Amino acid sequence: MIFSTIYVYNSSEFIELLVSHPLQRKTIWLSLFAGLAASLSIAFLIGIGLPILIYQPNPTGYMMLLMGLLLTIIFVGIAMLAAVTTRDKAKGIGVAILLWLYFSLIFDAFVLFILFQFQDYPLEEPMIIFSFLNPIDLGRIQILLKMDTAALMGYTGAVFKDFFGTASGITVTTIVLCLWVFIPVWISARKFRRKDL
């Protein structure tokens, strides 16, 4: 996320040069996203994909590879949204760091707080809905279910396995993760099209 945000800020003069040419702003922004997402995905495949394919060529390894690629692309989109939202480089990088902290730590702390506060109530189905609000949790759940460690999570793990472990659950998860790619990129492209450079 931080790399993508810094890249967008450091390329601001080049982006302004491209905007001065007869090119649509949407095309410029989507090309920038595609280039960043492709380069970081290739780096992920070389750095993590090759060891997984060599040492763990099984469904768990393939799921880790797929979720890692999707999360890489998702966070490039979120980083570009953070970069286009604010003009100041320091603020933009700060927003990117806060978003990363939110998705990786704060969201899980919030969910645990809700679980402890309402532990007397059946919260398994709301937890499924909550997990759609964080792409990292979706990827984590899919990998855990492929590792067959859902039995260690008790009743909640059984509920997750009944939903996320089926073909329809994997399809819904993939659709939601694709929405996590599409929505930030779409919002950032709209903001970039209207932004005064």
C-alpha atoms as a PDB file:
ATOM      1  CA  MET A   1       0.000   0.000   0.000  1.00  0.00           C
ATOM      2  CA  ILE A   2       2.711   2.442   0.972  1.00  0.00           C
ATOM      3  CA  PHE A   3       4.741   1.688  -2.158  1.00  0.00           C
ATOM      4  CA  SER A   4       1.711   2.332  -4.398  1.00  0.00           C
ATOM      5  CA  THR A   5       0.856   5.572  -2.592  1.00  0.00           C
ATOM      6  CA  ILE A   6       4.442   6.882  -2.790  1.00  0.00           C
ATOM      7  CA  TYR A   7       4.636   5.881  -6.459  1.00  0.00           C
ATOM      8  CA  VAL A   8       1.504   7.882  -7.318  1.00  0.00           C
ATOM      9  CA  TYR A   9       2.832  10.963  -5.494  1.00  0.00           C
ATOM     10  CA  ASN A  10       6.300  10.684  -7.045  1.00  0.00           C
ATOM     11  CA  SER A  11       4.759  10.338 -10.526  1.00  0.00           C
ATOM     12  CA  SER A  12       2.607  13.465 -10.152  1.00  0.00           C
ATOM     13  CA  GLU A  13       4.606  15.520 -12.685  1.00  0.00           C
ATOM     14  CA  PHE A  14       4.486  12.686 -15.208  1.00  0.00           C
ATOM     15  CA  ILE A  15       0.743  12.290 -14.641  1.00  0.00           C
ATOM     16  CA  GLU A  16       0.267  16.029 -15.196  1.00  0.00           C
ATOM     17  CA  LEU A  17       2.228  15.716 -18.450  1.00  0.00           C
ATOM     18  CA  LEU A  18      -0.016  12.860 -19.574  1.00  0.00           C
ATOM     19  CA  VAL A  19      -3.131  14.842 -18.671  1.00  0.00           C
ATOM     20  CA  SER A  20      -1.956  17.702 -20.910  1.00  0.00           C
ATOM     21  CA  HIS A  21      -2.045  15.312 -23.886  1.00  0.00           C
ATOM     22  CA  PRO A  22      -5.287  14.296 -25.628  1.00  0.00           C
ATOM     23  CA  LEU A  23      -5.827  11.294 -23.357  1.00  0.00           C
ATOM     24  CA  GLN A  24      -8.830  10.577 -21.206  1.00  0.00           C
ATOM     25  CA  ARG A  25      -8.110  10.916 -17.505  1.00  0.00           C
ATOM     26  CA  LYS A  26      -9.904   7.642 -16.819  1.00  0.00           C
ATOM     27  CA  THR A  27      -7.568   5.830 -19.237  1.00  0.00           C
ATOM     28  CA  ILE A  28      -4.487   7.364 -17.582  1.00  0.00           C
ATOM     29  CA  TRP A  29      -5.651   6.390 -14.089  1.00  0.00           C
ATOM     30  CA  LEU A  30      -6.688   2.843 -15.019  1.00  0.00           C
ATOM     31  CA  SER A  31      -3.393   2.336 -16.883  1.00  0.00           C
ATOM     32  CA  LEU A  32      -1.500   3.509 -13.815  1.00  0.00           C
ATOM     33  CA  PHE A  33      -3.488   1.063 -11.680  1.00  0.00           C
ATOM     34  CA  ALA A  34      -2.943  -1.796 -14.142  1.00  0.00           C
ATOM     35  CA  GLY A  35       0.806  -1.147 -14.271  1.00  0.00           C
ATOM     36  CA  LEU A  36       1.169  -0.976 -10.493  1.00  0.00           C
ATOM     37  CA  ALA A  37      -1.039  -4.015  -9.878  1.00  0.00           C
ATOM     38  CA  ALA A  38       0.728  -6.070 -12.565  1.00  0.00           C
ATOM     39  CA  SER A  39       4.241  -5.233 -11.337  1.00  0.00           C
ATOM     40  CA  LEU A  40       3.423  -5.925  -7.683  1.00  0.00           C
ATOM     41  CA  SER A  41       1.593  -9.142  -8.646  1.00  0.00           C
ATOM     42  CA  ILE A  42       4.638 -10.337 -10.611  1.00  0.00           C
ATOM     43  CA  ALA A  43       6.856  -9.515  -7.616  1.00  0.00           C
ATOM     44  CA  PHE A  44       4.451 -11.467  -5.366  1.00  0.00           C
ATOM     45  CA  LEU A  45       4.461 -14.441  -7.751  1.00  0.00           C
ATOM     46  CA  ILE A  46       8.261 -14.518  -7.907  1.00  0.00           C
ATOM     47  CA  GLY A  47       8.850 -13.927  -4.185  1.00  0.00           C
ATOM     48  CA  ILE A  48       6.061 -16.043  -2.717  1.00  0.00           C
ATOM     49  CA  GLY A  49       4.520 -17.954  -5.625  1.00  0.00           C
ATOM     50  CA  LEU A  50       7.647 -19.868  -6.608  1.00  0.00           C
ATOM     51  CA  PRO A  51       8.379 -21.183  -3.081  1.00  0.00           C
ATOM     52  CA  ILE A  52       4.713 -22.162  -2.666  1.00  0.00           C
ATOM     53  CA  LEU A  53       4.680 -23.983  -6.012  1.00  0.00           C
ATOM     54  CA  ILE A  54       7.953 -25.755  -5.183  1.00  0.00           C
ATOM     55  CA  TYR A  55       7.305 -26.720  -1.541  1.00  0.00           C
ATOM     56  CA  GLN A  56       3.512 -26.711  -1.179  1.00  0.00           C
ATOM     57  CA  PRO A  57       1.841 -27.592  -4.530  1.00  0.00           C
ATOM     58  CA  ASN A  58      -1.524 -28.523  -3.005  1.00  0.00           C
ATOM     59  CA  PRO A  59      -4.961 -26.833  -2.669  1.00  0.00           C
ATOM     60  CA  THR A  60      -3.811 -24.886   0.426  1.00  0.00           C
ATOM     61  CA  GLY A  61      -0.811 -23.491  -1.466  1.00  0.00           C
ATOM     62  CA  TYR A  62      -2.930 -22.561  -4.462  1.00  0.00           C
ATOM     63  CA  MET A  63      -5.471 -20.825  -2.204  1.00  0.00           C
ATOM     64  CA  MET A  64      -2.652 -18.872  -0.505  1.00  0.00           C
ATOM     65  CA  LEU A  65      -1.400 -17.848  -3.943  1.00  0.00           C
ATOM     66  CA  LEU A  66      -4.846 -16.758  -5.148  1.00  0.00           C
ATOM     67  CA  MET A  67      -5.677 -14.825  -1.959  1.00  0.00           C
ATOM     68  CA  GLY A  68      -2.251 -13.160  -1.927  1.00  0.00           C
ATOM     69  CA  LEU A  69      -2.661 -12.010  -5.529  1.00  0.00           C
ATOM     70  CA  LEU A  70      -6.167 -10.682  -4.884  1.00  0.00           C
ATOM     71  CA  LEU A  71      -5.064  -8.862  -1.709  1.00  0.00           C
ATOM     72  CA  THR A  72      -2.127  -7.318  -3.584  1.00  0.00           C
ATOM     73  CA  ILE A  73      -4.454  -5.946  -6.266  1.00  0.00           C
ATOM     74  CA  ILE A  74      -7.045  -4.824  -3.677  1.00  0.00           C
ATOM     75  CA  PHE A  75      -4.518  -2.834  -1.665  1.00  0.00           C
ATOM     76  CA  VAL A  76      -3.082  -1.196  -4.784  1.00  0.00           C
ATOM     77  CA  GLY A  77      -6.613   0.069  -5.501  1.00  0.00           C
ATOM     78  CA  ILE A  78      -7.101   1.269  -1.916  1.00  0.00           C
ATOM     79  CA  ALA A  79      -3.676   2.978  -1.990  1.00  0.00           C
ATOM     80  CA  MET A  80      -4.561   4.800  -5.206  1.00  0.00           C
ATOM     81  CA  LEU A  81      -7.813   5.947  -3.609  1.00  0.00           C
ATOM     82  CA  ALA A  82      -5.842   7.268  -0.621  1.00  0.00           C
ATOM     83  CA  ALA A  83      -3.399   9.045  -2.948  1.00  0.00           C
ATOM     84  CA  VAL A  84      -6.064  10.744  -5.052  1.00  0.00           C
ATOM     85  CA  THR A  85      -8.097  11.818  -2.013  1.00  0.00           C
ATOM     86  CA  THR A  86      -5.495  14.159  -0.567  1.00  0.00           C
ATOM     87  CA  ARG A  87      -3.031  16.447  -2.346  1.00  0.00           C
ATOM     88  CA  ASP A  88      -0.384  16.497   0.388  1.00  0.00           C
ATOM     89  CA  LYS A  89       2.109  13.614   0.153  1.00  0.00           C
ATOM     90  CA  ALA A  90       2.601  13.258   3.929  1.00  0.00           C
ATOM     91  CA  LYS A  91      -1.160  13.175   4.544  1.00  0.00           C
ATOM     92  CA  GLY A  92      -1.673  10.662   1.728  1.00  0.00           C
ATOM     93  CA  ILE A  93       0.978   8.311   3.100  1.00  0.00           C
ATOM     94  CA  GLY A  94      -0.523   8.751   6.579  1.00  0.00           C
ATOM     95  CA  VAL A  95      -3.978   7.845   5.256  1.00  0.00           C
ATOM     96  CA  ALA A  96      -2.505   4.755   3.544  1.00  0.00           C
ATOM     97  CA  ILE A  97      -0.800   3.662   6.784  1.00  0.00           C
ATOM     98  CA  LEU A  98      -4.017   4.229   8.780  1.00  0.00           C
ATOM     99  CA  LEU A  99      -6.039   2.215   6.254  1.00  0.00           C
ATOM    100  CA  TRP A 100      -3.504  -0.610   6.444  1.00  0.00           C
ATOM    101  CA  LEU A 101      -3.667  -0.533  10.264  1.00  0.00           C
ATOM    102  CA  TYR A 102      -7.460  -0.531  10.127  1.00  0.00           C
ATOM    103  CA  PHE A 103      -7.690  -3.556   7.841  1.00  0.00           C
ATOM    104  CA  SER A 104      -4.936  -5.563   9.527  1.00  0.00           C
ATOM    105  CA  LEU A 105      -5.433  -4.762  13.244  1.00  0.00           C
ATOM    106  CA  ILE A 106      -8.190  -2.330  14.216  1.00  0.00           C
ATOM    107  CA  PHE A 107     -11.000  -4.124  12.384  1.00  0.00           C
ATOM    108  CA  ASP A 108     -10.173  -7.436  14.099  1.00  0.00           C
ATOM    109  CA  ALA A 109      -9.981  -5.706  17.488  1.00  0.00           C
ATOM    110  CA  PHE A 110     -13.408  -4.158  16.832  1.00  0.00           C
ATOM    111  CA  VAL A 111     -14.873  -7.563  15.884  1.00  0.00           C
ATOM    112  CA  LEU A 112     -13.379  -9.174  19.013  1.00  0.00           C
ATOM    113  CA  PHE A 113     -14.835  -6.370  21.136  1.00  0.00           C
ATOM    114  CA  ILE A 114     -18.297  -7.030  19.662  1.00  0.00           C
ATOM    115  CA  LEU A 115     -17.879 -10.782  20.221  1.00  0.00           C
ATOM    116  CA  PHE A 116     -16.975 -10.271  23.883  1.00  0.00           C
ATOM    117  CA  GLN A 117     -19.759  -7.750  24.482  1.00  0.00           C
ATOM    118  CA  PHE A 118     -22.449  -9.952  22.922  1.00  0.00           C
ATOM    119  CA  GLN A 119     -21.054 -13.377  23.791  1.00  0.00           C
ATOM    120  CA  ASP A 120     -24.414 -14.539  25.155  1.00  0.00           C
ATOM    121  CA  TYR A 121     -26.043 -14.145  21.741  1.00  0.00           C
ATOM    122  CA  PRO A 122     -25.587 -16.268  18.604  1.00  0.00           C
ATOM    123  CA  LEU A 123     -23.277 -14.137  16.460  1.00  0.00           C
ATOM    124  CA  GLU A 124     -22.053 -16.692  13.927  1.00  0.00           C
ATOM    125  CA  GLU A 125     -24.144 -15.412  11.028  1.00  0.00           C
ATOM    126  CA  PRO A 126     -23.376 -11.711  11.710  1.00  0.00           C
ATOM    127  CA  MET A 127     -19.683 -12.723  11.790  1.00  0.00           C
ATOM    128  CA  ILE A 128     -20.040 -13.962   8.195  1.00  0.00           C
ATOM    129  CA  ILE A 129     -21.374 -10.531   7.212  1.00  0.00           C
ATOM    130  CA  PHE A 130     -18.615  -8.777   9.215  1.00  0.00           C
ATOM    131  CA  SER A 131     -15.964 -10.840   7.427  1.00  0.00           C
ATOM    132  CA  PHE A 132     -17.121  -9.420   4.080  1.00  0.00           C
ATOM    133  CA  LEU A 133     -16.152  -5.947   5.334  1.00  0.00           C
ATOM    134  CA  ASN A 134     -12.447  -6.841   5.463  1.00  0.00           C
ATOM    135  CA  PRO A 135     -10.635  -8.454   2.500  1.00  0.00           C
ATOM    136  CA  ILE A 136      -7.807  -9.691   4.746  1.00  0.00           C
ATOM    137  CA  ASP A 137     -10.304 -11.649   6.873  1.00  0.00           C
ATOM    138  CA  LEU A 138     -11.869 -13.186   3.772  1.00  0.00           C
ATOM    139  CA  GLY A 139      -8.476 -14.375   2.559  1.00  0.00           C
ATOM    140  CA  ARG A 140      -7.537 -15.630   6.026  1.00  0.00           C
ATOM    141  CA  ILE A 141     -10.781 -17.623   6.348  1.00  0.00           C
ATOM    142  CA  GLN A 142     -10.353 -19.244   2.935  1.00  0.00           C
ATOM    143  CA  ILE A 143      -6.778 -20.284   3.723  1.00  0.00           C
ATOM    144  CA  LEU A 144      -7.761 -21.644   7.170  1.00  0.00           C
ATOM    145  CA  LEU A 145     -10.578 -23.680   5.652  1.00  0.00           C
ATOM    146  CA  LYS A 146      -8.188 -25.189   3.093  1.00  0.00           C
ATOM    147  CA  MET A 147      -5.823 -26.127   5.937  1.00  0.00           C
ATOM    148  CA  ASP A 148      -8.612 -28.089   7.684  1.00  0.00           C
ATOM    149  CA  THR A 149      -8.037 -26.165  10.909  1.00  0.00           C
ATOM    150  CA  ALA A 150     -11.670 -25.016  11.024  1.00  0.00           C
ATOM    151  CA  ALA A 151     -12.270 -27.834  13.531  1.00  0.00           C
ATOM    152  CA  LEU A 152     -10.021 -25.947  15.973  1.00  0.00           C
ATOM    153  CA  MET A 153     -12.322 -22.913  15.812  1.00  0.00           C
ATOM    154  CA  GLY A 154     -15.277 -24.783  17.319  1.00  0.00           C
ATOM    155  CA  TYR A 155     -18.870 -23.970  16.385  1.00  0.00           C
ATOM    156  CA  THR A 156     -17.914 -20.741  14.592  1.00  0.00           C
ATOM    157  CA  GLY A 157     -15.465 -22.715  12.457  1.00  0.00           C
ATOM    158  CA  ALA A 158     -18.232 -25.173  11.585  1.00  0.00           C
ATOM    159  CA  VAL A 159     -20.533 -22.297  10.548  1.00  0.00           C
ATOM    160  CA  PHE A 160     -17.735 -20.758   8.478  1.00  0.00           C
ATOM    161  CA  LYS A 161     -17.008 -24.136   6.869  1.00  0.00           C
ATOM    162  CA  ASP A 162     -20.693 -24.604   6.032  1.00  0.00           C
ATOM    163  CA  PHE A 163     -20.758 -21.243   4.261  1.00  0.00           C
ATOM    164  CA  PHE A 164     -17.226 -20.465   3.026  1.00  0.00           C
ATOM    165  CA  GLY A 165     -16.167 -24.077   2.435  1.00  0.00           C
ATOM    166  CA  THR A 166     -18.770 -24.791  -0.227  1.00  0.00           C
ATOM    167  CA  ALA A 167     -18.429 -23.978  -3.930  1.00  0.00           C
ATOM    168  CA  SER A 168     -21.081 -21.253  -3.613  1.00  0.00           C
ATOM    169  CA  GLY A 169     -19.253 -19.772  -0.600  1.00  0.00           C
ATOM    170  CA  ILE A 170     -15.957 -19.652  -2.512  1.00  0.00           C
ATOM    171  CA  THR A 171     -17.802 -18.036  -5.443  1.00  0.00           C
ATOM    172  CA  VAL A 172     -19.380 -15.398  -3.146  1.00  0.00           C
ATOM    173  CA  THR A 173     -15.980 -14.737  -1.546  1.00  0.00           C
ATOM    174  CA  THR A 174     -14.340 -14.306  -4.942  1.00  0.00           C
ATOM    175  CA  ILE A 175     -17.119 -11.933  -6.078  1.00  0.00           C
ATOM    176  CA  VAL A 176     -16.782  -9.856  -2.887  1.00  0.00           C
ATOM    177  CA  LEU A 177     -12.986  -9.701  -3.297  1.00  0.00           C
ATOM    178  CA  CYS A 178     -13.447  -8.586  -6.926  1.00  0.00           C
ATOM    179  CA  LEU A 179     -15.800  -5.869  -5.629  1.00  0.00           C
ATOM    180  CA  TRP A 180     -13.035  -4.856  -3.202  1.00  0.00           C
ATOM    181  CA  VAL A 181     -10.853  -4.359  -6.295  1.00  0.00           C
ATOM    182  CA  PHE A 182     -13.488  -2.635  -8.436  1.00  0.00           C
ATOM    183  CA  ILE A 183     -15.066  -0.174  -5.973  1.00  0.00           C
ATOM    184  CA  PRO A 184     -11.894   1.658  -4.762  1.00  0.00           C
ATOM    185  CA  VAL A 185     -10.530   1.845  -8.320  1.00  0.00           C
ATOM    186  CA  TRP A 186     -13.856   3.150  -9.640  1.00  0.00           C
ATOM    187  CA  ILE A 187     -14.136   5.784  -6.881  1.00  0.00           C
ATOM    188  CA  SER A 188     -10.513   6.865  -7.347  1.00  0.00           C
ATOM    189  CA  ALA A 189     -10.955   7.091 -11.140  1.00  0.00           C
ATOM    190  CA  ARG A 190     -14.010   9.338 -10.649  1.00  0.00           C
ATOM    191  CA  LYS A 191     -12.103  11.530  -8.179  1.00  0.00           C
ATOM    192  CA  PHE A 192      -9.109  11.744 -10.519  1.00  0.00           C
ATOM    193  CA  ARG A 193     -11.333  12.697 -13.466  1.00  0.00           C
ATOM    194  CA  ARG A 194     -12.729  15.662 -11.503  1.00  0.00           C
ATOM    195  CA  LYS A 195      -9.529  16.614  -9.689  1.00  0.00           C
ATOM    196  CA  ASP A 196      -7.865  19.944 -10.375  1.00  0.00           C
ATOM    197  CA  LEU A 197      -4.224  19.119 -10.995  1.00  0.00           C
END
